[in-house]
Amino acid sequence: MMFQNMQTLHRDPLLSDIIDHKLFLSMGSYRHHAKVSCLDHTLQVADLVYTMARCWGLDYHSATRGALLHDFYLYDWHTGGPGLHGLKHARIALRNAESVFSLNDIEKNAILRHMWPLTPIPPRYPESLLVSLADKVSCYREYQQAARMMLSLKRFRIRTLPWI
């Protein structure tokens, strides 16, 4: 996956405390959507948020920190977790993030409300809404990439092995 701003994000002291943290890096061992790790998904969301928040004159540090931590739930939801993952993981991610990092109101809201409109209460800040939208864009890209891969494999099998 290609990230435009990863070098910039790593050099920013307001973001590097998250990006370099061992628990944040452990998200690489959890599958998120398709074959994308939770870490790669989160970095993709943060990359989108960082770019858009800066362009729109928003608090890009808070928005990006919220994006980095929006899925900080630290379990593989495919094999475990509390059930009803889509409805519960934001609160779990917020609880985990608050136990490790110091967060402001925008960051907390971005984590807690990123699943809107699946969850009924909308984001309170433009930065939080941006995290929610970037999360949807990222998920769409991940599933689109997986669908393309499946279609290309299916076409290959049909052309080369018609009995499969």
N, C-alpha and C. Protein backbone atom coordinates (compact mmCIF):
# COMPACT_ATOMS: atom_id res chain seq x y z
N MET A 1 0.83 -1.17 0.00
CA MET A 1 0.00 0.00 0.00
C MET A 1 0.88 1.24 0.00
N MET A 2 0.54 2.22 -0.79
CA MET A 2 1.34 3.43 -0.91
C MET A 2 0.75 4.55 -0.06
N PHE A 3 1.57 5.14 0.78
CA PHE A 3 1.14 6.24 1.62
C PHE A 3 1.94 7.47 1.23
N GLN A 4 1.25 8.56 0.96
CA GLN A 4 1.91 9.79 0.53
C GLN A 4 2.64 10.49 1.66
N ASN A 5 2.10 10.42 2.85
CA ASN A 5 2.58 11.27 3.94
C ASN A 5 3.30 10.54 5.07
N MET A 6 3.67 9.27 4.88
CA MET A 6 4.22 8.51 6.00
C MET A 6 5.50 9.13 6.56
N GLN A 7 6.36 9.61 5.72
CA GLN A 7 7.60 10.24 6.22
C GLN A 7 7.25 11.47 7.07
N THR A 8 6.32 12.26 6.59
CA THR A 8 5.90 13.45 7.33
C THR A 8 5.26 13.07 8.65
N LEU A 9 4.41 12.07 8.64
CA LEU A 9 3.74 11.64 9.87
C LEU A 9 4.75 11.15 10.90
N HIS A 10 5.76 10.40 10.46
CA HIS A 10 6.78 9.89 11.38
C HIS A 10 7.60 11.01 12.00
N ARG A 11 7.85 12.05 11.24
CA ARG A 11 8.69 13.15 11.75
C ARG A 11 7.93 14.09 12.68
N ASP A 12 6.61 14.05 12.65
CA ASP A 12 5.80 14.96 13.45
C ASP A 12 5.72 14.45 14.89
N PRO A 13 6.27 15.19 15.86
CA PRO A 13 6.27 14.70 17.25
C PRO A 13 4.87 14.54 17.83
N LEU A 14 3.88 15.24 17.29
CA LEU A 14 2.51 15.09 17.79
C LEU A 14 1.85 13.81 17.26
N LEU A 15 2.48 13.15 16.30
CA LEU A 15 1.94 11.91 15.73
C LEU A 15 2.86 10.71 15.99
N SER A 16 4.16 10.96 16.06
CA SER A 16 5.13 9.86 16.16
C SER A 16 4.99 9.08 17.46
N ASP A 17 4.48 9.71 18.53
CA ASP A 17 4.28 8.96 19.78
C ASP A 17 3.30 7.81 19.57
N ILE A 18 2.34 7.98 18.67
CA ILE A 18 1.40 6.90 18.35
C ILE A 18 2.04 5.93 17.36
N ILE A 19 2.56 6.46 16.27
CA ILE A 19 3.08 5.63 15.18
C ILE A 19 4.22 4.71 15.64
N ASP A 20 5.01 5.16 16.60
CA ASP A 20 6.15 4.37 17.08
C ASP A 20 5.82 3.50 18.30
N HIS A 21 4.60 3.57 18.79
CA HIS A 21 4.23 2.83 20.00
C HIS A 21 4.05 1.34 19.69
N LYS A 22 4.54 0.49 20.58
CA LYS A 22 4.49 -0.96 20.34
C LYS A 22 3.06 -1.49 20.23
N LEU A 23 2.14 -0.97 21.01
CA LEU A 23 0.75 -1.44 20.90
C LEU A 23 0.12 -1.02 19.57
N PHE A 24 0.44 0.19 19.12
CA PHE A 24 -0.05 0.62 17.80
C PHE A 24 0.52 -0.28 16.71
N LEU A 25 1.80 -0.56 16.79
CA LEU A 25 2.44 -1.42 15.78
C LEU A 25 1.92 -2.85 15.84
N SER A 26 1.43 -3.28 16.99
CA SER A 26 0.88 -4.64 17.11
C SER A 26 -0.38 -4.81 16.26
N MET A 27 -0.99 -3.72 15.84
CA MET A 27 -2.18 -3.81 14.99
C MET A 27 -1.86 -4.47 13.65
N GLY A 28 -0.59 -4.55 13.30
CA GLY A 28 -0.18 -5.23 12.08
C GLY A 28 -0.45 -6.73 12.12
N SER A 29 -0.66 -7.29 13.29
CA SER A 29 -0.93 -8.72 13.40
C SER A 29 -2.42 -9.06 13.34
N TYR A 30 -3.28 -8.04 13.26
CA TYR A 30 -4.72 -8.28 13.19
C TYR A 30 -5.24 -7.97 11.79
N ARG A 31 -6.00 -8.91 11.24
CA ARG A 31 -6.60 -8.70 9.92
C ARG A 31 -7.81 -7.79 10.09
N HIS A 32 -7.95 -6.85 9.18
CA HIS A 32 -9.06 -5.90 9.24
C HIS A 32 -10.10 -6.23 8.19
N HIS A 33 -9.91 -5.77 6.97
CA HIS A 33 -10.80 -6.07 5.85
C HIS A 33 -10.01 -6.81 4.79
N ALA A 34 -10.64 -7.82 4.22
CA ALA A 34 -9.99 -8.63 3.18
C ALA A 34 -8.65 -9.11 3.73
N LYS A 35 -7.55 -8.81 3.04
CA LYS A 35 -6.23 -9.25 3.52
C LYS A 35 -5.41 -8.09 4.07
N VAL A 36 -6.06 -6.99 4.36
CA VAL A 36 -5.39 -5.79 4.86
C VAL A 36 -5.32 -5.86 6.39
N SER A 37 -4.16 -5.55 6.94
CA SER A 37 -4.03 -5.54 8.39
C SER A 37 -4.69 -4.29 8.96
N CYS A 38 -5.01 -4.37 10.22
CA CYS A 38 -5.60 -3.23 10.92
C CYS A 38 -4.63 -2.05 10.89
N LEU A 39 -3.34 -2.34 11.00
CA LEU A 39 -2.33 -1.28 10.96
C LEU A 39 -2.33 -0.59 9.59
N ASP A 40 -2.30 -1.36 8.51
CA ASP A 40 -2.29 -0.75 7.18
C ASP A 40 -3.57 0.04 6.91
N HIS A 41 -4.70 -0.50 7.35
CA HIS A 41 -5.96 0.22 7.19
C HIS A 41 -5.91 1.56 7.92
N THR A 42 -5.46 1.53 9.16
CA THR A 42 -5.39 2.74 9.97
C THR A 42 -4.43 3.77 9.37
N LEU A 43 -3.30 3.31 8.87
CA LEU A 43 -2.35 4.22 8.23
C LEU A 43 -2.93 4.83 6.96
N GLN A 44 -3.70 4.04 6.22
CA GLN A 44 -4.33 4.58 5.01
C GLN A 44 -5.35 5.65 5.38
N VAL A 45 -6.16 5.39 6.40
CA VAL A 45 -7.14 6.39 6.86
C VAL A 45 -6.42 7.65 7.33
N ALA A 46 -5.37 7.49 8.11
CA ALA A 46 -4.61 8.63 8.63
C ALA A 46 -3.98 9.44 7.49
N ASP A 47 -3.49 8.75 6.48
CA ASP A 47 -2.89 9.42 5.33
C ASP A 47 -3.93 10.29 4.61
N LEU A 48 -5.11 9.75 4.39
CA LEU A 48 -6.19 10.52 3.76
C LEU A 48 -6.61 11.71 4.62
N VAL A 49 -6.78 11.47 5.90
CA VAL A 49 -7.22 12.51 6.82
C VAL A 49 -6.19 13.63 6.90
N TYR A 50 -4.94 13.28 7.01
CA TYR A 50 -3.87 14.28 7.10
C TYR A 50 -3.91 15.22 5.90
N THR A 51 -4.01 14.64 4.70
CA THR A 51 -4.02 15.45 3.48
C THR A 51 -5.25 16.34 3.42
N MET A 52 -6.42 15.76 3.64
CA MET A 52 -7.66 16.54 3.51
C MET A 52 -7.79 17.58 4.62
N ALA A 53 -7.45 17.25 5.83
CA ALA A 53 -7.58 18.21 6.93
C ALA A 53 -6.66 19.41 6.73
N ARG A 54 -5.47 19.18 6.24
CA ARG A 54 -4.56 20.30 5.96
C ARG A 54 -5.11 21.18 4.84
N CYS A 55 -5.61 20.54 3.77
CA CYS A 55 -6.17 21.30 2.64
C CYS A 55 -7.36 22.14 3.05
N TRP A 56 -8.17 21.63 3.97
CA TRP A 56 -9.40 22.32 4.36
C TRP A 56 -9.22 23.22 5.58
N GLY A 57 -7.99 23.35 6.07
CA GLY A 57 -7.72 24.25 7.18
C GLY A 57 -8.27 23.76 8.52
N LEU A 58 -8.39 22.46 8.68
CA LEU A 58 -8.87 21.89 9.94
C LEU A 58 -7.69 21.59 10.87
N ASP A 59 -8.00 21.20 12.07
CA ASP A 59 -6.97 20.79 13.03
C ASP A 59 -6.43 19.42 12.59
N TYR A 60 -5.43 19.45 11.73
CA TYR A 60 -4.96 18.20 11.12
C TYR A 60 -4.24 17.29 12.10
N HIS A 61 -3.65 17.86 13.14
CA HIS A 61 -3.01 17.00 14.14
C HIS A 61 -4.06 16.17 14.88
N SER A 62 -5.09 16.82 15.37
CA SER A 62 -6.13 16.09 16.10
C SER A 62 -6.85 15.11 15.19
N ALA A 63 -7.14 15.53 13.98
CA ALA A 63 -7.83 14.65 13.02
C ALA A 63 -6.98 13.42 12.72
N THR A 64 -5.70 13.61 12.51
CA THR A 64 -4.82 12.50 12.18
C THR A 64 -4.61 11.58 13.37
N ARG A 65 -4.47 12.15 14.55
CA ARG A 65 -4.34 11.31 15.75
C ARG A 65 -5.61 10.47 15.95
N GLY A 66 -6.77 11.08 15.74
CA GLY A 66 -8.02 10.32 15.82
C GLY A 66 -8.07 9.21 14.79
N ALA A 67 -7.60 9.51 13.58
CA ALA A 67 -7.57 8.51 12.51
C ALA A 67 -6.62 7.36 12.86
N LEU A 68 -5.48 7.69 13.43
CA LEU A 68 -4.52 6.65 13.80
C LEU A 68 -5.08 5.71 14.87
N LEU A 69 -5.95 6.22 15.71
CA LEU A 69 -6.45 5.44 16.84
C LEU A 69 -7.90 4.96 16.67
N HIS A 70 -8.52 5.24 15.53
CA HIS A 70 -9.95 4.92 15.40
C HIS A 70 -10.24 3.42 15.49
N ASP A 71 -9.30 2.57 15.15
CA ASP A 71 -9.49 1.12 15.26
C ASP A 71 -8.48 0.50 16.23
N PHE A 72 -8.21 1.16 17.31
CA PHE A 72 -7.23 0.72 18.31
C PHE A 72 -7.89 -0.26 19.30
N TYR A 73 -8.63 -1.23 18.78
CA TYR A 73 -9.36 -2.17 19.64
C TYR A 73 -8.52 -3.38 20.02
N LEU A 74 -7.46 -3.70 19.26
CA LEU A 74 -6.44 -4.67 19.63
C LEU A 74 -6.92 -6.12 19.78
N TYR A 75 -7.75 -6.56 18.86
CA TYR A 75 -8.12 -7.97 18.78
C TYR A 75 -8.49 -8.27 17.32
N ASP A 76 -8.51 -9.55 16.98
CA ASP A 76 -8.93 -9.94 15.64
C ASP A 76 -10.43 -10.21 15.68
N TRP A 77 -11.20 -9.32 15.11
CA TRP A 77 -12.66 -9.43 15.20
C TRP A 77 -13.20 -10.60 14.38
N HIS A 78 -12.37 -11.19 13.52
CA HIS A 78 -12.81 -12.37 12.76
C HIS A 78 -12.83 -13.62 13.62
N THR A 79 -12.00 -13.65 14.65
CA THR A 79 -11.87 -14.85 15.47
C THR A 79 -12.22 -14.64 16.93
N GLY A 80 -12.46 -13.41 17.35
CA GLY A 80 -12.76 -13.15 18.75
C GLY A 80 -13.35 -11.78 18.95
N GLY A 81 -13.31 -11.33 20.16
CA GLY A 81 -13.86 -10.03 20.48
C GLY A 81 -15.23 -10.15 21.10
N PRO A 82 -15.87 -9.01 21.36
CA PRO A 82 -17.11 -9.01 22.13
C PRO A 82 -18.38 -9.35 21.34
N GLY A 83 -18.28 -9.56 20.04
CA GLY A 83 -19.48 -9.73 19.23
C GLY A 83 -20.03 -8.36 18.85
N LEU A 84 -20.83 -8.31 17.82
CA LEU A 84 -21.35 -7.03 17.30
C LEU A 84 -20.22 -6.01 17.15
N HIS A 85 -19.14 -6.47 16.55
CA HIS A 85 -17.92 -5.67 16.43
C HIS A 85 -18.19 -4.28 15.85
N GLY A 86 -18.98 -4.20 14.79
CA GLY A 86 -19.24 -2.91 14.14
C GLY A 86 -19.85 -1.88 15.07
N LEU A 87 -20.61 -2.34 16.04
CA LEU A 87 -21.25 -1.41 16.98
C LEU A 87 -20.42 -1.14 18.23
N LYS A 88 -19.56 -2.07 18.61
CA LYS A 88 -18.86 -1.96 19.89
C LYS A 88 -17.40 -1.53 19.81
N HIS A 89 -16.74 -1.73 18.67
CA HIS A 89 -15.29 -1.56 18.65
C HIS A 89 -14.84 -0.11 18.83
N ALA A 90 -15.65 0.85 18.46
CA ALA A 90 -15.24 2.26 18.63
C ALA A 90 -15.05 2.60 20.10
N ARG A 91 -15.98 2.16 20.93
CA ARG A 91 -15.87 2.43 22.37
C ARG A 91 -14.66 1.70 22.97
N ILE A 92 -14.41 0.48 22.49
CA ILE A 92 -13.24 -0.28 22.96
C ILE A 92 -11.95 0.41 22.52
N ALA A 93 -11.93 0.87 21.28
CA ALA A 93 -10.74 1.59 20.77
C ALA A 93 -10.50 2.86 21.58
N LEU A 94 -11.56 3.59 21.90
CA LEU A 94 -11.41 4.80 22.70
C LEU A 94 -10.87 4.47 24.09
N ARG A 95 -11.41 3.46 24.71
CA ARG A 95 -10.94 3.07 26.05
C ARG A 95 -9.46 2.70 26.00
N ASN A 96 -9.07 1.91 25.00
CA ASN A 96 -7.66 1.53 24.86
C ASN A 96 -6.78 2.75 24.61
N ALA A 97 -7.22 3.62 23.72
CA ALA A 97 -6.43 4.81 23.38
C ALA A 97 -6.26 5.72 24.58
N GLU A 98 -7.33 5.91 25.36
CA GLU A 98 -7.24 6.77 26.55
C GLU A 98 -6.32 6.18 27.61
N SER A 99 -6.18 4.86 27.64
CA SER A 99 -5.31 4.24 28.64
C SER A 99 -3.84 4.38 28.29
N VAL A 100 -3.53 4.71 27.02
CA VAL A 100 -2.14 4.78 26.58
C VAL A 100 -1.72 6.21 26.21
N PHE A 101 -2.62 6.98 25.61
CA PHE A 101 -2.28 8.30 25.08
C PHE A 101 -3.14 9.38 25.72
N SER A 102 -2.62 10.59 25.70
CA SER A 102 -3.38 11.75 26.12
C SER A 102 -4.16 12.26 24.91
N LEU A 103 -5.48 12.37 25.04
CA LEU A 103 -6.33 12.73 23.90
C LEU A 103 -7.14 13.98 24.20
N ASN A 104 -7.36 14.79 23.16
CA ASN A 104 -8.24 15.93 23.30
C ASN A 104 -9.66 15.54 22.87
N ASP A 105 -10.60 16.48 22.96
CA ASP A 105 -12.00 16.18 22.66
C ASP A 105 -12.23 15.78 21.21
N ILE A 106 -11.51 16.42 20.29
CA ILE A 106 -11.66 16.08 18.86
C ILE A 106 -11.20 14.65 18.61
N GLU A 107 -10.06 14.30 19.16
CA GLU A 107 -9.52 12.95 18.98
C GLU A 107 -10.46 11.89 19.56
N LYS A 108 -10.98 12.14 20.76
CA LYS A 108 -11.91 11.21 21.39
C LYS A 108 -13.16 11.04 20.54
N ASN A 109 -13.69 12.15 20.05
CA ASN A 109 -14.91 12.10 19.25
C ASN A 109 -14.68 11.40 17.91
N ALA A 110 -13.52 11.62 17.32
CA ALA A 110 -13.19 10.96 16.05
C ALA A 110 -13.15 9.45 16.22
N ILE A 111 -12.58 8.99 17.31
CA ILE A 111 -12.51 7.54 17.58
C ILE A 111 -13.91 6.99 17.86
N LEU A 112 -14.63 7.65 18.74
CA LEU A 112 -15.93 7.15 19.19
C LEU A 112 -17.00 7.18 18.10
N ARG A 113 -16.94 8.17 17.21
CA ARG A 113 -18.02 8.37 16.22
C ARG A 113 -17.65 7.96 14.80
N HIS A 114 -16.53 7.27 14.61
CA HIS A 114 -16.10 6.98 13.23
C HIS A 114 -17.01 5.99 12.51
N MET A 115 -17.86 5.28 13.22
CA MET A 115 -18.75 4.31 12.57
C MET A 115 -20.10 4.91 12.16
N TRP A 116 -20.29 6.18 12.36
CA TRP A 116 -21.53 6.82 11.93
C TRP A 116 -21.63 6.71 10.41
N PRO A 117 -22.75 6.40 9.82
CA PRO A 117 -24.11 6.34 10.37
C PRO A 117 -24.55 4.97 10.88
N LEU A 118 -23.66 3.98 10.93
CA LEU A 118 -24.04 2.69 11.52
C LEU A 118 -24.46 2.90 12.98
N THR A 119 -23.72 3.73 13.67
CA THR A 119 -24.11 4.11 15.03
C THR A 119 -24.90 5.41 14.94
N PRO A 120 -25.89 5.61 15.79
CA PRO A 120 -26.85 6.71 15.57
C PRO A 120 -26.35 8.13 15.84
N ILE A 121 -25.36 8.31 16.68
CA ILE A 121 -24.94 9.67 17.04
C ILE A 121 -23.85 10.13 16.08
N PRO A 122 -24.06 11.25 15.37
CA PRO A 122 -23.07 11.70 14.39
C PRO A 122 -21.84 12.32 15.05
N PRO A 123 -20.75 12.44 14.29
CA PRO A 123 -19.56 13.12 14.79
C PRO A 123 -19.88 14.58 15.15
N ARG A 124 -19.19 15.09 16.16
CA ARG A 124 -19.44 16.45 16.65
C ARG A 124 -18.61 17.51 15.93
N TYR A 125 -17.43 17.13 15.46
CA TYR A 125 -16.48 18.08 14.87
C TYR A 125 -16.25 17.73 13.40
N PRO A 126 -15.89 18.72 12.59
CA PRO A 126 -15.56 18.42 11.18
C PRO A 126 -14.42 17.41 11.06
N GLU A 127 -13.46 17.49 11.96
CA GLU A 127 -12.33 16.55 11.94
C GLU A 127 -12.81 15.12 12.19
N SER A 128 -13.78 14.96 13.09
CA SER A 128 -14.34 13.64 13.39
C SER A 128 -15.11 13.10 12.19
N LEU A 129 -15.86 13.96 11.54
CA LEU A 129 -16.59 13.55 10.34
C LEU A 129 -15.62 13.13 9.24
N LEU A 130 -14.53 13.85 9.13
CA LEU A 130 -13.51 13.52 8.14
C LEU A 130 -12.92 12.12 8.40
N VAL A 131 -12.67 11.79 9.65
CA VAL A 131 -12.17 10.45 9.98
C VAL A 131 -13.20 9.40 9.57
N SER A 132 -14.46 9.65 9.86
CA SER A 132 -15.51 8.71 9.49
C SER A 132 -15.57 8.51 7.98
N LEU A 133 -15.51 9.59 7.23
CA LEU A 133 -15.56 9.50 5.76
C LEU A 133 -14.32 8.80 5.20
N ALA A 134 -13.15 9.14 5.72
CA ALA A 134 -11.91 8.51 5.24
C ALA A 134 -11.91 7.02 5.56
N ASP A 135 -12.50 6.63 6.67
CA ASP A 135 -12.62 5.22 7.02
C ASP A 135 -13.46 4.49 5.98
N LYS A 136 -14.56 5.11 5.55
CA LYS A 136 -15.42 4.48 4.54
C LYS A 136 -14.70 4.38 3.19
N VAL A 137 -13.97 5.43 2.81
CA VAL A 137 -13.21 5.42 1.56
C VAL A 137 -12.16 4.31 1.59
N SER A 138 -11.48 4.21 2.71
CA SER A 138 -10.44 3.19 2.85
C SER A 138 -11.03 1.79 2.78
N CYS A 139 -12.14 1.56 3.47
CA CYS A 139 -12.80 0.24 3.43
C CYS A 139 -13.21 -0.09 2.00
N TYR A 140 -13.78 0.87 1.31
CA TYR A 140 -14.19 0.66 -0.08
C TYR A 140 -12.99 0.25 -0.93
N ARG A 141 -11.88 0.95 -0.77
CA ARG A 141 -10.67 0.63 -1.55
C ARG A 141 -10.17 -0.79 -1.24
N GLU A 142 -10.21 -1.16 0.03
CA GLU A 142 -9.73 -2.49 0.42
C GLU A 142 -10.58 -3.59 -0.19
N TYR A 143 -11.88 -3.44 -0.12
CA TYR A 143 -12.76 -4.46 -0.70
C TYR A 143 -12.72 -4.44 -2.21
N GLN A 144 -12.56 -3.27 -2.80
CA GLN A 144 -12.44 -3.18 -4.26
C GLN A 144 -11.19 -3.93 -4.73
N GLN A 145 -10.09 -3.73 -4.03
CA GLN A 145 -8.85 -4.42 -4.38
C GLN A 145 -9.01 -5.94 -4.24
N ALA A 146 -9.67 -6.38 -3.18
CA ALA A 146 -9.89 -7.81 -2.98
C ALA A 146 -10.81 -8.37 -4.07
N ALA A 147 -11.84 -7.63 -4.44
CA ALA A 147 -12.75 -8.09 -5.49
C ALA A 147 -12.03 -8.20 -6.83
N ARG A 148 -11.18 -7.23 -7.14
CA ARG A 148 -10.40 -7.30 -8.38
C ARG A 148 -9.51 -8.53 -8.40
N MET A 149 -8.88 -8.80 -7.27
CA MET A 149 -8.00 -9.95 -7.19
C MET A 149 -8.79 -11.26 -7.39
N MET A 150 -9.96 -11.34 -6.77
CA MET A 150 -10.78 -12.54 -6.91
C MET A 150 -11.25 -12.71 -8.35
N LEU A 151 -11.66 -11.63 -8.98
CA LEU A 151 -12.10 -11.71 -10.37
C LEU A 151 -10.97 -12.13 -11.30
N SER A 152 -9.79 -11.61 -11.07
CA SER A 152 -8.67 -11.98 -11.94
C SER A 152 -8.30 -13.45 -11.74
N LEU A 153 -8.37 -13.95 -10.52
CA LEU A 153 -8.11 -15.37 -10.27
C LEU A 153 -9.18 -16.23 -10.93
N LYS A 154 -10.43 -15.81 -10.83
CA LYS A 154 -11.52 -16.57 -11.43
C LYS A 154 -11.36 -16.63 -12.95
N ARG A 155 -11.02 -15.50 -13.58
CA ARG A 155 -10.80 -15.48 -15.02
C ARG A 155 -9.64 -16.40 -15.41
N PHE A 156 -8.58 -16.37 -14.60
CA PHE A 156 -7.42 -17.22 -14.88
C PHE A 156 -7.82 -18.69 -14.83
N ARG A 157 -8.57 -19.07 -13.81
CA ARG A 157 -8.99 -20.46 -13.66
C ARG A 157 -9.90 -20.89 -14.82
N ILE A 158 -10.80 -20.01 -15.22
CA ILE A 158 -11.72 -20.34 -16.30
C ILE A 158 -10.98 -20.55 -17.61
N ARG A 159 -9.99 -19.70 -17.87
CA ARG A 159 -9.23 -19.81 -19.11
C ARG A 159 -8.27 -21.00 -19.12
N THR A 160 -7.69 -21.30 -17.98
CA THR A 160 -6.65 -22.32 -17.97
C THR A 160 -7.14 -23.68 -17.49
N LEU A 161 -8.05 -23.68 -16.54
CA LEU A 161 -8.55 -24.92 -15.97
C LEU A 161 -10.07 -24.89 -15.98
N PRO A 162 -10.71 -25.22 -17.08
CA PRO A 162 -12.15 -25.05 -17.18
C PRO A 162 -12.95 -25.93 -16.21
N TRP A 163 -12.36 -26.98 -15.65
CA TRP A 163 -13.11 -27.84 -14.74
C TRP A 163 -13.12 -27.31 -13.31
N ILE A 164 -12.39 -26.21 -13.03
CA ILE A 164 -12.39 -25.64 -11.67
C ILE A 164 -13.42 -24.54 -11.57
